[in-house]
Amino acid sequence: YIVSEDERQALGPVLRAAMPGLTANDVSGITAMQPSTYCIVYAQSSGATGNYTGAFAVIRAEHPDLLRLSCLHEEIAQGLGLPNDSPQARPSIFNDDEEFALLTTQDEMMLRILYNPALRPGMTEAEARPIVETLARRLMGGES
């Protein structure tokens, strides 16, 4: 949702209908979003599997074009399953130093890895690591 301040403050019923599992605190966190929060994404998963069943992003309409586009890139990628920002993620839109406004090649590779059919929700790190390492090597042009 790209919304004005007034629209965001009135968004509660729409959000509850879109994602019934939202808590009152979640809805309040969006409708009363602090000015320092440019945009936010909420994702919902089913049970213990970790399968995402839905996500939505809320972006302030009053942002300049590039900031809105940056929010779209980051929040959609996070809603697809790359949920955490990290100061160690470089070069990446997920590094909150705001150096990168749009998805980087690394970000796109991480999404390709995440959605590779060889990976599935619920895998342990020990199960996923060798697959991820092989996929990363392939994407980087190394051995397979």
N, C-alpha and C. Protein backbone atom coordinates (compact mmCIF):
# COMPACT_ATOMS: atom_id res chain seq x y z
N TYR A 1 0.84 -1.16 0.00
CA TYR A 1 0.00 0.00 0.00
C TYR A 1 0.89 1.23 0.00
N ILE A 2 0.71 2.10 -0.96
CA ILE A 2 1.39 3.39 -0.97
C ILE A 2 0.33 4.39 -0.56
N VAL A 3 0.49 4.94 0.64
CA VAL A 3 -0.59 5.71 1.25
C VAL A 3 -0.10 7.02 1.83
N SER A 4 -1.01 7.99 1.84
CA SER A 4 -0.74 9.26 2.50
C SER A 4 -0.82 9.06 4.01
N GLU A 5 -0.46 10.08 4.74
CA GLU A 5 -0.51 10.01 6.21
C GLU A 5 -1.94 9.69 6.69
N ASP A 6 -2.92 10.40 6.16
CA ASP A 6 -4.31 10.17 6.56
C ASP A 6 -4.78 8.77 6.17
N GLU A 7 -4.43 8.33 4.96
CA GLU A 7 -4.82 6.99 4.52
C GLU A 7 -4.20 5.91 5.40
N ARG A 8 -2.92 6.11 5.76
CA ARG A 8 -2.24 5.12 6.60
C ARG A 8 -2.90 5.02 7.96
N GLN A 9 -3.25 6.16 8.54
CA GLN A 9 -3.87 6.15 9.87
C GLN A 9 -5.23 5.45 9.86
N ALA A 10 -5.89 5.41 8.70
CA ALA A 10 -7.20 4.76 8.59
C ALA A 10 -7.11 3.35 8.00
N LEU A 11 -5.92 2.82 7.86
CA LEU A 11 -5.69 1.56 7.15
C LEU A 11 -6.01 0.31 7.97
N GLY A 12 -6.24 0.46 9.26
CA GLY A 12 -6.44 -0.69 10.14
C GLY A 12 -7.40 -1.75 9.63
N PRO A 13 -8.66 -1.40 9.29
CA PRO A 13 -9.61 -2.41 8.84
C PRO A 13 -9.16 -3.13 7.55
N VAL A 14 -8.52 -2.41 6.66
CA VAL A 14 -8.03 -3.01 5.41
C VAL A 14 -6.94 -4.04 5.73
N LEU A 15 -6.04 -3.68 6.64
CA LEU A 15 -4.94 -4.58 7.00
C LEU A 15 -5.47 -5.83 7.70
N ARG A 16 -6.42 -5.65 8.60
CA ARG A 16 -6.99 -6.81 9.31
C ARG A 16 -7.68 -7.76 8.34
N ALA A 17 -8.35 -7.20 7.32
CA ALA A 17 -9.03 -8.04 6.32
C ALA A 17 -8.00 -8.75 5.44
N ALA A 18 -6.92 -8.07 5.11
CA ALA A 18 -5.89 -8.65 4.23
C ALA A 18 -5.10 -9.74 4.93
N MET A 19 -4.87 -9.56 6.24
CA MET A 19 -4.05 -10.51 6.98
C MET A 19 -4.66 -10.69 8.37
N PRO A 20 -5.64 -11.58 8.50
CA PRO A 20 -6.36 -11.73 9.77
C PRO A 20 -5.49 -12.05 10.98
N GLY A 21 -4.30 -12.57 10.79
CA GLY A 21 -3.44 -12.92 11.92
C GLY A 21 -2.71 -11.75 12.56
N LEU A 22 -2.88 -10.55 12.02
CA LEU A 22 -2.21 -9.39 12.61
C LEU A 22 -2.73 -9.12 14.02
N THR A 23 -1.81 -8.79 14.92
CA THR A 23 -2.22 -8.43 16.27
C THR A 23 -2.60 -6.96 16.31
N ALA A 24 -3.24 -6.56 17.39
CA ALA A 24 -3.58 -5.15 17.57
C ALA A 24 -2.31 -4.30 17.58
N ASN A 25 -1.23 -4.83 18.18
CA ASN A 25 0.05 -4.10 18.19
C ASN A 25 0.62 -3.93 16.79
N ASP A 26 0.49 -4.97 15.94
CA ASP A 26 0.95 -4.87 14.56
C ASP A 26 0.22 -3.75 13.83
N VAL A 27 -1.09 -3.75 13.94
CA VAL A 27 -1.91 -2.75 13.26
C VAL A 27 -1.57 -1.36 13.78
N SER A 28 -1.44 -1.23 15.09
CA SER A 28 -1.08 0.06 15.68
C SER A 28 0.31 0.51 15.23
N GLY A 29 1.24 -0.43 15.11
CA GLY A 29 2.58 -0.09 14.64
C GLY A 29 2.59 0.48 13.24
N ILE A 30 1.61 0.10 12.44
CA ILE A 30 1.50 0.61 11.08
C ILE A 30 0.72 1.91 11.05
N THR A 31 -0.44 1.93 11.68
CA THR A 31 -1.27 3.13 11.62
C THR A 31 -0.65 4.30 12.37
N ALA A 32 0.19 4.03 13.36
CA ALA A 32 0.88 5.08 14.11
C ALA A 32 2.38 5.07 13.81
N MET A 33 2.74 4.67 12.60
CA MET A 33 4.14 4.53 12.21
C MET A 33 4.92 5.82 12.47
N GLN A 34 6.08 5.67 13.09
CA GLN A 34 6.92 6.82 13.41
C GLN A 34 7.44 7.49 12.14
N PRO A 35 7.63 8.79 12.15
CA PRO A 35 8.15 9.50 10.97
C PRO A 35 9.50 8.96 10.48
N SER A 36 10.28 8.39 11.38
CA SER A 36 11.59 7.85 10.99
C SER A 36 11.48 6.51 10.25
N THR A 37 10.29 5.92 10.24
CA THR A 37 10.07 4.67 9.50
C THR A 37 9.52 5.03 8.13
N TYR A 38 10.33 4.79 7.11
CA TYR A 38 9.94 5.14 5.74
C TYR A 38 8.90 4.18 5.18
N CYS A 39 9.08 2.90 5.48
CA CYS A 39 8.21 1.87 4.94
C CYS A 39 8.37 0.62 5.81
N ILE A 40 7.42 -0.28 5.67
CA ILE A 40 7.44 -1.48 6.51
C ILE A 40 6.76 -2.62 5.75
N VAL A 41 7.18 -3.84 6.04
CA VAL A 41 6.54 -5.01 5.44
C VAL A 41 6.15 -5.98 6.56
N TYR A 42 5.03 -6.63 6.38
CA TYR A 42 4.60 -7.71 7.26
C TYR A 42 4.39 -8.94 6.41
N ALA A 43 4.92 -10.06 6.87
CA ALA A 43 4.74 -11.33 6.19
C ALA A 43 4.11 -12.31 7.16
N GLN A 44 3.34 -13.22 6.62
CA GLN A 44 2.66 -14.21 7.45
C GLN A 44 3.04 -15.59 6.93
N SER A 45 3.29 -16.50 7.86
CA SER A 45 3.64 -17.86 7.46
C SER A 45 2.64 -18.84 8.06
N SER A 46 2.62 -20.03 7.47
CA SER A 46 1.67 -21.04 7.94
C SER A 46 2.36 -22.00 8.90
N GLY A 47 1.84 -22.08 10.08
CA GLY A 47 2.32 -23.04 11.07
C GLY A 47 3.82 -23.04 11.26
N ALA A 48 4.36 -24.23 11.50
CA ALA A 48 5.78 -24.37 11.79
C ALA A 48 6.62 -24.55 10.54
N THR A 49 5.98 -24.59 9.36
CA THR A 49 6.73 -24.86 8.13
C THR A 49 7.56 -23.68 7.68
N GLY A 50 7.14 -22.48 8.04
CA GLY A 50 7.85 -21.30 7.57
C GLY A 50 7.43 -20.85 6.18
N ASN A 51 6.47 -21.55 5.56
CA ASN A 51 5.96 -21.14 4.25
C ASN A 51 5.25 -19.80 4.37
N TYR A 52 5.70 -18.82 3.61
CA TYR A 52 4.99 -17.54 3.59
C TYR A 52 3.66 -17.73 2.87
N THR A 53 2.61 -17.24 3.49
CA THR A 53 1.28 -17.32 2.89
C THR A 53 0.79 -15.96 2.43
N GLY A 54 1.46 -14.92 2.83
CA GLY A 54 1.07 -13.58 2.40
C GLY A 54 2.00 -12.54 2.97
N ALA A 55 1.98 -11.40 2.34
CA ALA A 55 2.79 -10.27 2.81
C ALA A 55 2.19 -8.99 2.25
N PHE A 56 2.40 -7.90 2.95
CA PHE A 56 2.05 -6.59 2.41
C PHE A 56 3.06 -5.58 2.90
N ALA A 57 3.22 -4.54 2.12
CA ALA A 57 4.12 -3.44 2.47
C ALA A 57 3.31 -2.16 2.58
N VAL A 58 3.73 -1.30 3.48
CA VAL A 58 3.13 0.03 3.61
C VAL A 58 4.24 1.04 3.38
N ILE A 59 4.01 1.92 2.42
CA ILE A 59 5.02 2.91 2.01
C ILE A 59 4.37 4.28 2.05
N ARG A 60 5.09 5.22 2.58
CA ARG A 60 4.57 6.59 2.67
C ARG A 60 4.53 7.23 1.28
N ALA A 61 3.37 7.73 0.88
CA ALA A 61 3.19 8.34 -0.44
C ALA A 61 3.95 9.66 -0.57
N GLU A 62 4.22 10.31 0.55
CA GLU A 62 4.85 11.63 0.49
C GLU A 62 6.35 11.58 0.21
N HIS A 63 6.92 10.38 0.15
CA HIS A 63 8.35 10.25 -0.13
C HIS A 63 8.67 10.70 -1.55
N PRO A 64 9.89 11.19 -1.78
CA PRO A 64 10.33 11.45 -3.15
C PRO A 64 10.33 10.14 -3.95
N ASP A 65 10.29 10.26 -5.27
CA ASP A 65 10.18 9.09 -6.15
C ASP A 65 11.23 8.02 -5.86
N LEU A 66 12.51 8.41 -5.74
CA LEU A 66 13.57 7.42 -5.55
C LEU A 66 13.41 6.70 -4.21
N LEU A 67 13.02 7.40 -3.18
CA LEU A 67 12.84 6.76 -1.87
C LEU A 67 11.66 5.78 -1.92
N ARG A 68 10.57 6.16 -2.59
CA ARG A 68 9.44 5.23 -2.74
C ARG A 68 9.87 3.98 -3.52
N LEU A 69 10.64 4.18 -4.60
CA LEU A 69 11.12 3.05 -5.39
C LEU A 69 12.04 2.16 -4.56
N SER A 70 12.90 2.78 -3.76
CA SER A 70 13.79 2.02 -2.88
C SER A 70 12.97 1.20 -1.89
N CYS A 71 11.95 1.81 -1.32
CA CYS A 71 11.07 1.08 -0.39
C CYS A 71 10.40 -0.09 -1.09
N LEU A 72 9.93 0.12 -2.31
CA LEU A 72 9.30 -0.98 -3.06
C LEU A 72 10.27 -2.13 -3.24
N HIS A 73 11.49 -1.83 -3.67
CA HIS A 73 12.50 -2.88 -3.87
C HIS A 73 12.76 -3.64 -2.57
N GLU A 74 13.05 -2.91 -1.51
CA GLU A 74 13.42 -3.58 -0.26
C GLU A 74 12.25 -4.33 0.36
N GLU A 75 11.10 -3.70 0.43
CA GLU A 75 9.98 -4.33 1.13
C GLU A 75 9.44 -5.53 0.36
N ILE A 76 9.41 -5.46 -0.97
CA ILE A 76 8.96 -6.62 -1.74
C ILE A 76 9.95 -7.76 -1.56
N ALA A 77 11.24 -7.47 -1.63
CA ALA A 77 12.25 -8.53 -1.43
C ALA A 77 12.12 -9.13 -0.04
N GLN A 78 11.87 -8.29 0.97
CA GLN A 78 11.71 -8.82 2.31
C GLN A 78 10.42 -9.63 2.42
N GLY A 79 9.36 -9.19 1.77
CA GLY A 79 8.12 -9.94 1.77
C GLY A 79 8.23 -11.27 1.04
N LEU A 80 9.23 -11.38 0.15
CA LEU A 80 9.48 -12.64 -0.56
C LEU A 80 10.32 -13.60 0.27
N GLY A 81 10.86 -13.13 1.40
CA GLY A 81 11.55 -14.07 2.27
C GLY A 81 12.96 -13.70 2.69
N LEU A 82 13.43 -12.53 2.34
CA LEU A 82 14.74 -12.06 2.84
C LEU A 82 14.45 -10.99 3.89
N PRO A 83 14.06 -11.39 5.10
CA PRO A 83 13.44 -10.46 6.03
C PRO A 83 14.34 -9.55 6.85
N ASN A 84 15.62 -9.84 6.98
CA ASN A 84 16.40 -9.08 7.95
C ASN A 84 17.41 -8.14 7.31
N ASP A 85 17.49 -6.94 7.85
CA ASP A 85 18.55 -6.01 7.48
C ASP A 85 19.80 -6.40 8.27
N SER A 86 20.96 -6.14 7.69
CA SER A 86 22.20 -6.47 8.37
C SER A 86 23.30 -5.51 7.95
N PRO A 87 24.07 -5.00 8.91
CA PRO A 87 25.20 -4.16 8.54
C PRO A 87 26.29 -4.95 7.82
N GLN A 88 26.22 -6.28 7.89
CA GLN A 88 27.22 -7.12 7.22
C GLN A 88 26.83 -7.43 5.77
N ALA A 89 25.61 -7.14 5.38
CA ALA A 89 25.15 -7.42 4.02
C ALA A 89 25.68 -6.33 3.08
N ARG A 90 26.70 -6.68 2.31
CA ARG A 90 27.30 -5.71 1.38
C ARG A 90 27.79 -6.42 0.14
N PRO A 91 27.56 -5.91 -1.01
CA PRO A 91 26.71 -4.76 -1.32
C PRO A 91 25.25 -5.21 -1.36
N SER A 92 24.40 -4.52 -0.65
CA SER A 92 23.01 -4.96 -0.55
C SER A 92 22.10 -3.83 -0.11
N ILE A 93 20.88 -3.89 -0.61
CA ILE A 93 19.85 -2.96 -0.15
C ILE A 93 19.49 -3.24 1.31
N PHE A 94 19.85 -4.44 1.79
CA PHE A 94 19.53 -4.83 3.16
C PHE A 94 20.55 -4.31 4.17
N ASN A 95 21.49 -3.52 3.73
CA ASN A 95 22.41 -2.85 4.62
C ASN A 95 21.81 -1.46 4.86
N ASP A 96 21.46 -1.17 6.08
CA ASP A 96 20.73 0.07 6.37
C ASP A 96 21.59 1.33 6.36
N ASP A 97 22.78 1.27 5.78
CA ASP A 97 23.56 2.50 5.68
C ASP A 97 23.06 3.36 4.52
N GLU A 98 22.02 2.88 3.81
CA GLU A 98 21.36 3.62 2.74
C GLU A 98 22.29 3.92 1.57
N GLU A 99 23.37 3.14 1.42
CA GLU A 99 24.29 3.31 0.30
C GLU A 99 23.65 2.81 -1.00
N PHE A 100 22.80 1.79 -0.90
CA PHE A 100 22.20 1.18 -2.08
C PHE A 100 20.69 1.41 -2.04
N ALA A 101 20.17 2.09 -3.05
CA ALA A 101 18.75 2.41 -3.08
C ALA A 101 17.91 1.29 -3.67
N LEU A 102 18.50 0.53 -4.60
CA LEU A 102 17.76 -0.51 -5.30
C LEU A 102 18.43 -1.86 -5.09
N LEU A 103 17.73 -2.92 -5.45
CA LEU A 103 18.31 -4.26 -5.33
C LEU A 103 19.63 -4.32 -6.07
N THR A 104 20.61 -4.91 -5.45
CA THR A 104 21.91 -5.11 -6.07
C THR A 104 21.94 -6.49 -6.72
N THR A 105 22.99 -6.74 -7.48
CA THR A 105 23.17 -8.07 -8.07
C THR A 105 23.19 -9.13 -6.97
N GLN A 106 23.85 -8.83 -5.85
CA GLN A 106 23.89 -9.78 -4.74
C GLN A 106 22.49 -10.06 -4.21
N ASP A 107 21.66 -9.03 -4.08
CA ASP A 107 20.29 -9.22 -3.60
C ASP A 107 19.51 -10.12 -4.55
N GLU A 108 19.66 -9.88 -5.85
CA GLU A 108 18.96 -10.69 -6.84
C GLU A 108 19.43 -12.15 -6.76
N MET A 109 20.73 -12.34 -6.55
CA MET A 109 21.26 -13.70 -6.41
C MET A 109 20.69 -14.38 -5.17
N MET A 110 20.58 -13.64 -4.07
CA MET A 110 20.02 -14.23 -2.84
C MET A 110 18.58 -14.67 -3.06
N LEU A 111 17.80 -13.88 -3.81
CA LEU A 111 16.43 -14.28 -4.10
C LEU A 111 16.39 -15.51 -5.01
N ARG A 112 17.29 -15.57 -5.99
CA ARG A 112 17.35 -16.75 -6.86
C ARG A 112 17.68 -18.01 -6.04
N ILE A 113 18.60 -17.86 -5.12
CA ILE A 113 18.96 -19.00 -4.26
C ILE A 113 17.77 -19.39 -3.39
N LEU A 114 17.15 -18.41 -2.76
CA LEU A 114 16.02 -18.68 -1.87
C LEU A 114 14.90 -19.43 -2.57
N TYR A 115 14.64 -19.09 -3.83
CA TYR A 115 13.53 -19.70 -4.57
C TYR A 115 13.96 -20.88 -5.44
N ASN A 116 15.18 -21.33 -5.30
CA ASN A 116 15.61 -22.51 -6.03
C ASN A 116 14.85 -23.72 -5.49
N PRO A 117 14.32 -24.58 -6.37
CA PRO A 117 13.54 -25.72 -5.90
C PRO A 117 14.32 -26.72 -5.04
N ALA A 118 15.64 -26.64 -5.04
CA ALA A 118 16.42 -27.54 -4.19
C ALA A 118 16.28 -27.19 -2.72
N LEU A 119 15.86 -25.97 -2.43
CA LEU A 119 15.64 -25.54 -1.03
C LEU A 119 14.16 -25.62 -0.72
N ARG A 120 13.86 -25.93 0.52
CA ARG A 120 12.46 -25.96 0.93
C ARG A 120 12.36 -25.44 2.37
N PRO A 121 11.23 -24.85 2.71
CA PRO A 121 11.04 -24.36 4.07
C PRO A 121 11.20 -25.49 5.08
N GLY A 122 11.78 -25.16 6.21
CA GLY A 122 11.94 -26.13 7.29
C GLY A 122 13.26 -26.87 7.27
N MET A 123 14.08 -26.65 6.23
CA MET A 123 15.39 -27.31 6.20
C MET A 123 16.25 -26.77 7.33
N THR A 124 17.09 -27.63 7.88
CA THR A 124 18.05 -27.16 8.87
C THR A 124 19.19 -26.45 8.15
N GLU A 125 19.98 -25.71 8.91
CA GLU A 125 21.14 -25.06 8.32
C GLU A 125 22.08 -26.10 7.72
N ALA A 126 22.26 -27.21 8.41
CA ALA A 126 23.15 -28.27 7.91
C ALA A 126 22.66 -28.85 6.58
N GLU A 127 21.35 -28.92 6.41
CA GLU A 127 20.79 -29.42 5.15
C GLU A 127 20.91 -28.38 4.04
N ALA A 128 20.66 -27.13 4.37
CA ALA A 128 20.60 -26.08 3.36
C ALA A 128 21.98 -25.56 2.94
N ARG A 129 22.92 -25.51 3.87
CA ARG A 129 24.22 -24.88 3.59
C ARG A 129 24.92 -25.42 2.34
N PRO A 130 25.07 -26.74 2.16
CA PRO A 130 25.78 -27.21 0.97
C PRO A 130 25.04 -26.84 -0.33
N ILE A 131 23.73 -26.83 -0.28
CA ILE A 131 22.95 -26.46 -1.46
C ILE A 131 23.16 -24.98 -1.77
N VAL A 132 23.06 -24.15 -0.74
CA VAL A 132 23.25 -22.70 -0.92
C VAL A 132 24.65 -22.41 -1.43
N GLU A 133 25.65 -23.06 -0.87
CA GLU A 133 27.03 -22.82 -1.31
C GLU A 133 27.22 -23.21 -2.77
N THR A 134 26.64 -24.33 -3.19
CA THR A 134 26.74 -24.76 -4.59
C THR A 134 26.03 -23.76 -5.51
N LEU A 135 24.83 -23.35 -5.13
CA LEU A 135 24.08 -22.39 -5.94
C LEU A 135 24.82 -21.06 -6.03
N ALA A 136 25.39 -20.61 -4.92
CA ALA A 136 26.13 -19.34 -4.91
C ALA A 136 27.35 -19.43 -5.84
N ARG A 137 28.06 -20.53 -5.78
CA ARG A 137 29.22 -20.70 -6.67
C ARG A 137 28.79 -20.63 -8.13
N ARG A 138 27.70 -21.29 -8.46
CA ARG A 138 27.20 -21.26 -9.84
C ARG A 138 26.84 -19.84 -10.26
N LEU A 139 26.13 -19.14 -9.40
CA LEU A 139 25.71 -17.78 -9.73
C LEU A 139 26.90 -16.83 -9.87
N MET A 140 27.95 -17.11 -9.13
CA MET A 140 29.15 -16.26 -9.19
C MET A 140 30.08 -16.67 -10.34
N GLY A 141 29.66 -17.70 -11.09
CA GLY A 141 30.47 -18.12 -12.23
C GLY A 141 31.58 -19.08 -11.89
N GLY A 142 31.53 -19.64 -10.69
CA GLY A 142 32.56 -20.59 -10.27
C GLY A 142 32.16 -22.01 -10.61
N GLU A 143 32.86 -22.93 -10.02
CA GLU A 143 32.59 -24.35 -10.27
C GLU A 143 31.20 -24.73 -9.77
N SER A 144 30.69 -25.84 -10.25
CA SER A 144 29.36 -26.28 -9.83
C SER A 144 29.44 -27.42 -8.93
